[in-house]
Amino acid sequence: MVSLGAELSEREGSRIGVRLFGERRVFHRPHPSPDTDKGAVTSIRNWLKDNGIEP
């Protein structure tokens, strides 16, 4: 997402803020596991598609 110009910021808990396409979204970053759940991946994929990016 950084390669698309996203700004990332640490949020409280295990959350990360993403500012991209003039919008701000907050996603959960699992801890201690590096795996992201299917729902979060689907949400990010749909957000990218809605803004003309095919992941």
PDB file of N, CA and C in Angstrom:
ATOM      1  N   MET A   1       0.816  -1.181   0.000  1.00  0.00           N
ATOM      2  CA  MET A   1       0.000   0.000   0.000  1.00  0.00           C
ATOM      3  C   MET A   1       0.868   1.256   0.000  1.00  0.00           C
ATOM      4  N   VAL A   2       2.021   1.164   0.621  1.00  0.00           N
ATOM      5  CA  VAL A   2       2.935   2.305   0.629  1.00  0.00           C
ATOM      6  C   VAL A   2       3.330   2.671  -0.799  1.00  0.00           C
ATOM      7  N   SER A   3       3.492   1.670  -1.661  1.00  0.00           N
ATOM      8  CA  SER A   3       3.865   1.948  -3.054  1.00  0.00           C
ATOM      9  C   SER A   3       2.763   2.701  -3.806  1.00  0.00           C
ATOM     10  N   LEU A   4       1.542   2.668  -3.279  1.00  0.00           N
ATOM     11  CA  LEU A   4       0.430   3.419  -3.869  1.00  0.00           C
ATOM     12  C   LEU A   4       0.325   4.821  -3.280  1.00  0.00           C
ATOM     13  N   GLY A   5       1.192   5.130  -2.303  1.00  0.00           N
ATOM     14  CA  GLY A   5       1.175   6.449  -1.675  1.00  0.00           C
ATOM     15  C   GLY A   5       0.492   6.478  -0.325  1.00  0.00           C
ATOM     16  N   ALA A   6       0.219   5.328   0.251  1.00  0.00           N
ATOM     17  CA  ALA A   6      -0.459   5.266   1.544  1.00  0.00           C
ATOM     18  C   ALA A   6       0.443   5.770   2.660  1.00  0.00           C
ATOM     19  N   GLU A   7      -0.173   6.427   3.633  1.00  0.00           N
ATOM     20  CA  GLU A   7       0.508   6.821   4.860  1.00  0.00           C
ATOM     21  C   GLU A   7       0.018   5.881   5.949  1.00  0.00           C
ATOM     22  N   LEU A   8       0.939   5.256   6.664  1.00  0.00           N
ATOM     23  CA  LEU A   8       0.598   4.315   7.723  1.00  0.00           C
ATOM     24  C   LEU A   8       0.884   4.942   9.076  1.00  0.00           C
ATOM     25  N   SER A   9       0.025   4.661  10.057  1.00  0.00           N
ATOM     26  CA  SER A   9       0.252   5.161  11.410  1.00  0.00           C
ATOM     27  C   SER A   9      -0.163   4.103  12.420  1.00  0.00           C
ATOM     28  N   GLU A  10       0.602   4.015  13.488  1.00  0.00           N
ATOM     29  CA  GLU A  10       0.279   3.087  14.568  1.00  0.00           C
ATOM     30  C   GLU A  10      -0.904   3.648  15.339  1.00  0.00           C
ATOM     31  N   ARG A  11      -1.857   2.801  15.649  1.00  0.00           N
ATOM     32  CA  ARG A  11      -3.025   3.196  16.429  1.00  0.00           C
ATOM     33  C   ARG A  11      -2.981   2.449  17.748  1.00  0.00           C
ATOM     34  N   GLU A  12      -3.977   2.624  18.571  1.00  0.00           N
ATOM     35  CA  GLU A  12      -3.972   1.933  19.853  1.00  0.00           C
ATOM     36  C   GLU A  12      -4.190   0.440  19.670  1.00  0.00           C
ATOM     37  N   GLY A  13      -3.659  -0.322  20.590  1.00  0.00           N
ATOM     38  CA  GLY A  13      -3.790  -1.773  20.506  1.00  0.00           C
ATOM     39  C   GLY A  13      -3.025  -2.317  19.321  1.00  0.00           C
ATOM     40  N   SER A  14      -3.639  -3.233  18.616  1.00  0.00           N
ATOM     41  CA  SER A  14      -2.993  -3.875  17.459  1.00  0.00           C
ATOM     42  C   SER A  14      -3.513  -3.303  16.152  1.00  0.00           C
ATOM     43  N   ARG A  15      -3.881  -2.039  16.168  1.00  0.00           N
ATOM     44  CA  ARG A  15      -4.465  -1.435  14.970  1.00  0.00           C
ATOM     45  C   ARG A  15      -3.444  -0.591  14.217  1.00  0.00           C
ATOM     46  N   ILE A  16      -3.680  -0.495  12.924  1.00  0.00           N
ATOM     47  CA  ILE A  16      -2.839   0.358  12.079  1.00  0.00           C
ATOM     48  C   ILE A  16      -3.760   1.234  11.227  1.00  0.00           C
ATOM     49  N   GLY A  17      -3.446   2.518  11.164  1.00  0.00           N
ATOM     50  CA  GLY A  17      -4.220   3.446  10.358  1.00  0.00           C
ATOM     51  C   GLY A  17      -3.608   3.559   8.973  1.00  0.00           C
ATOM     52  N   VAL A  18      -4.461   3.595   7.962  1.00  0.00           N
ATOM     53  CA  VAL A  18      -4.001   3.718   6.580  1.00  0.00           C
ATOM     54  C   VAL A  18      -4.736   4.895   5.947  1.00  0.00           C
ATOM     55  N   ARG A  19      -3.977   5.847   5.429  1.00  0.00           N
ATOM     56  CA  ARG A  19      -4.570   6.981   4.709  1.00  0.00           C
ATOM     57  C   ARG A  19      -4.195   6.825   3.245  1.00  0.00           C
ATOM     58  N   LEU A  20      -5.228   6.664   2.407  1.00  0.00           N
ATOM     59  CA  LEU A  20      -5.035   6.433   0.981  1.00  0.00           C
ATOM     60  C   LEU A  20      -6.310   6.830   0.253  1.00  0.00           C
ATOM     61  N   PHE A  21      -6.193   7.343  -0.943  1.00  0.00           N
ATOM     62  CA  PHE A  21      -7.347   7.773  -1.756  1.00  0.00           C
ATOM     63  C   PHE A  21      -8.154   8.865  -1.050  1.00  0.00           C
ATOM     64  N   GLY A  22      -7.505   9.655  -0.195  1.00  0.00           N
ATOM     65  CA  GLY A  22      -8.210  10.701   0.543  1.00  0.00           C
ATOM     66  C   GLY A  22      -9.090  10.159   1.645  1.00  0.00           C
ATOM     67  N   GLU A  23      -8.940   8.901   1.979  1.00  0.00           N
ATOM     68  CA  GLU A  23      -9.728   8.249   3.029  1.00  0.00           C
ATOM     69  C   GLU A  23      -8.793   7.703   4.094  1.00  0.00           C
ATOM     70  N   ARG A  24      -9.335   7.529   5.291  1.00  0.00           N
ATOM     71  CA  ARG A  24      -8.575   6.923   6.369  1.00  0.00           C
ATOM     72  C   ARG A  24      -9.319   5.666   6.825  1.00  0.00           C
ATOM     73  N   ARG A  25      -8.595   4.558   6.870  1.00  0.00           N
ATOM     74  CA  ARG A  25      -9.161   3.284   7.322  1.00  0.00           C
ATOM     75  C   ARG A  25      -8.293   2.747   8.450  1.00  0.00           C
ATOM     76  N   VAL A  26      -8.907   1.985   9.343  1.00  0.00           N
ATOM     77  CA  VAL A  26      -8.170   1.364  10.436  1.00  0.00           C
ATOM     78  C   VAL A  26      -8.350  -0.137  10.330  1.00  0.00           C
ATOM     79  N   PHE A  27      -7.228  -0.849  10.364  1.00  0.00           N
ATOM     80  CA  PHE A  27      -7.242  -2.303  10.260  1.00  0.00           C
ATOM     81  C   PHE A  27      -6.562  -2.911  11.475  1.00  0.00           C
ATOM     82  N   HIS A  28      -6.955  -4.117  11.792  1.00  0.00           N
ATOM     83  CA  HIS A  28      -6.364  -4.843  12.915  1.00  0.00           C
ATOM     84  C   HIS A  28      -5.127  -5.584  12.446  1.00  0.00           C
ATOM     85  N   ARG A  29      -4.043  -5.446  13.198  1.00  0.00           N
ATOM     86  CA  ARG A  29      -2.821  -6.188  12.915  1.00  0.00           C
ATOM     87  C   ARG A  29      -2.687  -7.246  14.011  1.00  0.00           C
ATOM     88  N   PRO A  30      -2.830  -8.507  13.660  1.00  0.00           N
ATOM     89  CA  PRO A  30      -2.782  -9.567  14.668  1.00  0.00           C
ATOM     90  C   PRO A  30      -1.456  -9.580  15.421  1.00  0.00           C
ATOM     91  N   HIS A  31      -1.540  -9.916  16.685  1.00  0.00           N
ATOM     92  CA  HIS A  31      -0.335 -10.007  17.508  1.00  0.00           C
ATOM     93  C   HIS A  31      -0.465 -11.214  18.416  1.00  0.00           C
ATOM     94  N   PRO A  32       0.482 -12.054  18.561  1.00  0.00           N
ATOM     95  CA  PRO A  32       1.813 -12.001  17.974  1.00  0.00           C
ATOM     96  C   PRO A  32       1.890 -12.642  16.597  1.00  0.00           C
ATOM     97  N   SER A  33       0.820 -13.249  16.118  1.00  0.00           N
ATOM     98  CA  SER A  33       0.829 -13.914  14.813  1.00  0.00           C
ATOM     99  C   SER A  33       0.879 -12.886  13.681  1.00  0.00           C
ATOM    100  N   PRO A  34       1.668 -13.126  12.648  1.00  0.00           N
ATOM    101  CA  PRO A  34       1.724 -12.193  11.517  1.00  0.00           C
ATOM    102  C   PRO A  34       0.605 -12.418  10.500  1.00  0.00           C
ATOM    103  N   ASP A  35      -0.290 -13.375  10.755  1.00  0.00           N
ATOM    104  CA  ASP A  35      -1.350 -13.716   9.804  1.00  0.00           C
ATOM    105  C   ASP A  35      -2.553 -12.797   9.971  1.00  0.00           C
ATOM    106  N   THR A  36      -3.074 -12.312   8.859  1.00  0.00           N
ATOM    107  CA  THR A  36      -4.270 -11.477   8.851  1.00  0.00           C
ATOM    108  C   THR A  36      -5.462 -12.347   8.492  1.00  0.00           C
ATOM    109  N   ASP A  37      -6.609 -12.092   9.129  1.00  0.00           N
ATOM    110  CA  ASP A  37      -7.767 -12.942   8.853  1.00  0.00           C
ATOM    111  C   ASP A  37      -8.392 -12.621   7.497  1.00  0.00           C
ATOM    112  N   LYS A  38      -9.197 -13.565   7.004  1.00  0.00           N
ATOM    113  CA  LYS A  38      -9.818 -13.450   5.678  1.00  0.00           C
ATOM    114  C   LYS A  38     -10.675 -12.198   5.532  1.00  0.00           C
ATOM    115  N   GLY A  39     -11.388 -11.848   6.592  1.00  0.00           N
ATOM    116  CA  GLY A  39     -12.266 -10.683   6.532  1.00  0.00           C
ATOM    117  C   GLY A  39     -11.505  -9.395   6.274  1.00  0.00           C
ATOM    118  N   ALA A  40     -10.365  -9.231   6.927  1.00  0.00           N
ATOM    119  CA  ALA A  40      -9.548  -8.027   6.732  1.00  0.00           C
ATOM    120  C   ALA A  40      -8.981  -7.984   5.319  1.00  0.00           C
ATOM    121  N   VAL A  41      -8.534  -9.123   4.820  1.00  0.00           N
ATOM    122  CA  VAL A  41      -7.986  -9.183   3.465  1.00  0.00           C
ATOM    123  C   VAL A  41      -9.066  -8.827   2.448  1.00  0.00           C
ATOM    124  N   THR A  42     -10.269  -9.352   2.636  1.00  0.00           N
ATOM    125  CA  THR A  42     -11.386  -9.051   1.739  1.00  0.00           C
ATOM    126  C   THR A  42     -11.720  -7.564   1.778  1.00  0.00           C
ATOM    127  N   SER A  43     -11.726  -6.985   2.969  1.00  0.00           N
ATOM    128  CA  SER A  43     -12.028  -5.565   3.121  1.00  0.00           C
ATOM    129  C   SER A  43     -11.005  -4.693   2.397  1.00  0.00           C
ATOM    130  N   ILE A  44      -9.732  -5.017   2.550  1.00  0.00           N
ATOM    131  CA  ILE A  44      -8.672  -4.257   1.879  1.00  0.00           C
ATOM    132  C   ILE A  44      -8.776  -4.424   0.368  1.00  0.00           C
ATOM    133  N   ARG A  45      -8.997  -5.652  -0.081  1.00  0.00           N
ATOM    134  CA  ARG A  45      -9.126  -5.923  -1.519  1.00  0.00           C
ATOM    135  C   ARG A  45     -10.283  -5.128  -2.118  1.00  0.00           C
ATOM    136  N   ASN A  46     -11.434  -5.113  -1.444  1.00  0.00           N
ATOM    137  CA  ASN A  46     -12.592  -4.366  -1.945  1.00  0.00           C
ATOM    138  C   ASN A  46     -12.319  -2.866  -1.976  1.00  0.00           C
ATOM    139  N   TRP A  47     -11.621  -2.358  -0.971  1.00  0.00           N
ATOM    140  CA  TRP A  47     -11.274  -0.935  -0.919  1.00  0.00           C
ATOM    141  C   TRP A  47     -10.387  -0.572  -2.107  1.00  0.00           C
ATOM    142  N   LEU A  48      -9.406  -1.405  -2.396  1.00  0.00           N
ATOM    143  CA  LEU A  48      -8.532  -1.156  -3.543  1.00  0.00           C
ATOM    144  C   LEU A  48      -9.322  -1.208  -4.853  1.00  0.00           C
ATOM    145  N   LYS A  49     -10.173  -2.229  -5.016  1.00  0.00           N
ATOM    146  CA  LYS A  49     -10.974  -2.358  -6.243  1.00  0.00           C
ATOM    147  C   LYS A  49     -11.902  -1.166  -6.432  1.00  0.00           C
ATOM    148  N   ASP A  50     -12.522  -0.700  -5.336  1.00  0.00           N
ATOM    149  CA  ASP A  50     -13.425   0.453  -5.409  1.00  0.00           C
ATOM    150  C   ASP A  50     -12.710   1.714  -5.888  1.00  0.00           C
ATOM    151  N   ASN A  51     -11.385   1.718  -5.760  1.00  0.00           N
ATOM    152  CA  ASN A  51     -10.592   2.874  -6.167  1.00  0.00           C
ATOM    153  C   ASN A  51      -9.754   2.596  -7.408  1.00  0.00           C
ATOM    154  N   GLY A  52     -10.158   1.576  -8.180  1.00  0.00           N
ATOM    155  CA  GLY A  52      -9.545   1.314  -9.476  1.00  0.00           C
ATOM    156  C   GLY A  52      -8.248   0.537  -9.456  1.00  0.00           C
ATOM    157  N   ILE A  53      -7.908  -0.074  -8.320  1.00  0.00           N
ATOM    158  CA  ILE A  53      -6.681  -0.862  -8.211  1.00  0.00           C
ATOM    159  C   ILE A  53      -7.063  -2.334  -8.189  1.00  0.00           C
ATOM    160  N   GLU A  54      -6.517  -3.106  -9.110  1.00  0.00           N
ATOM    161  CA  GLU A  54      -6.758  -4.550  -9.129  1.00  0.00           C
ATOM    162  C   GLU A  54      -5.598  -5.244  -8.428  1.00  0.00           C
ATOM    163  N   PRO A  55      -5.840  -5.763  -7.224  1.00  0.00           N
ATOM    164  CA  PRO A  55      -4.758  -6.431  -6.486  1.00  0.00           C
ATOM    165  C   PRO A  55      -4.341  -7.740  -7.133  1.00  0.00           C
TER     166      PRO A  55
END
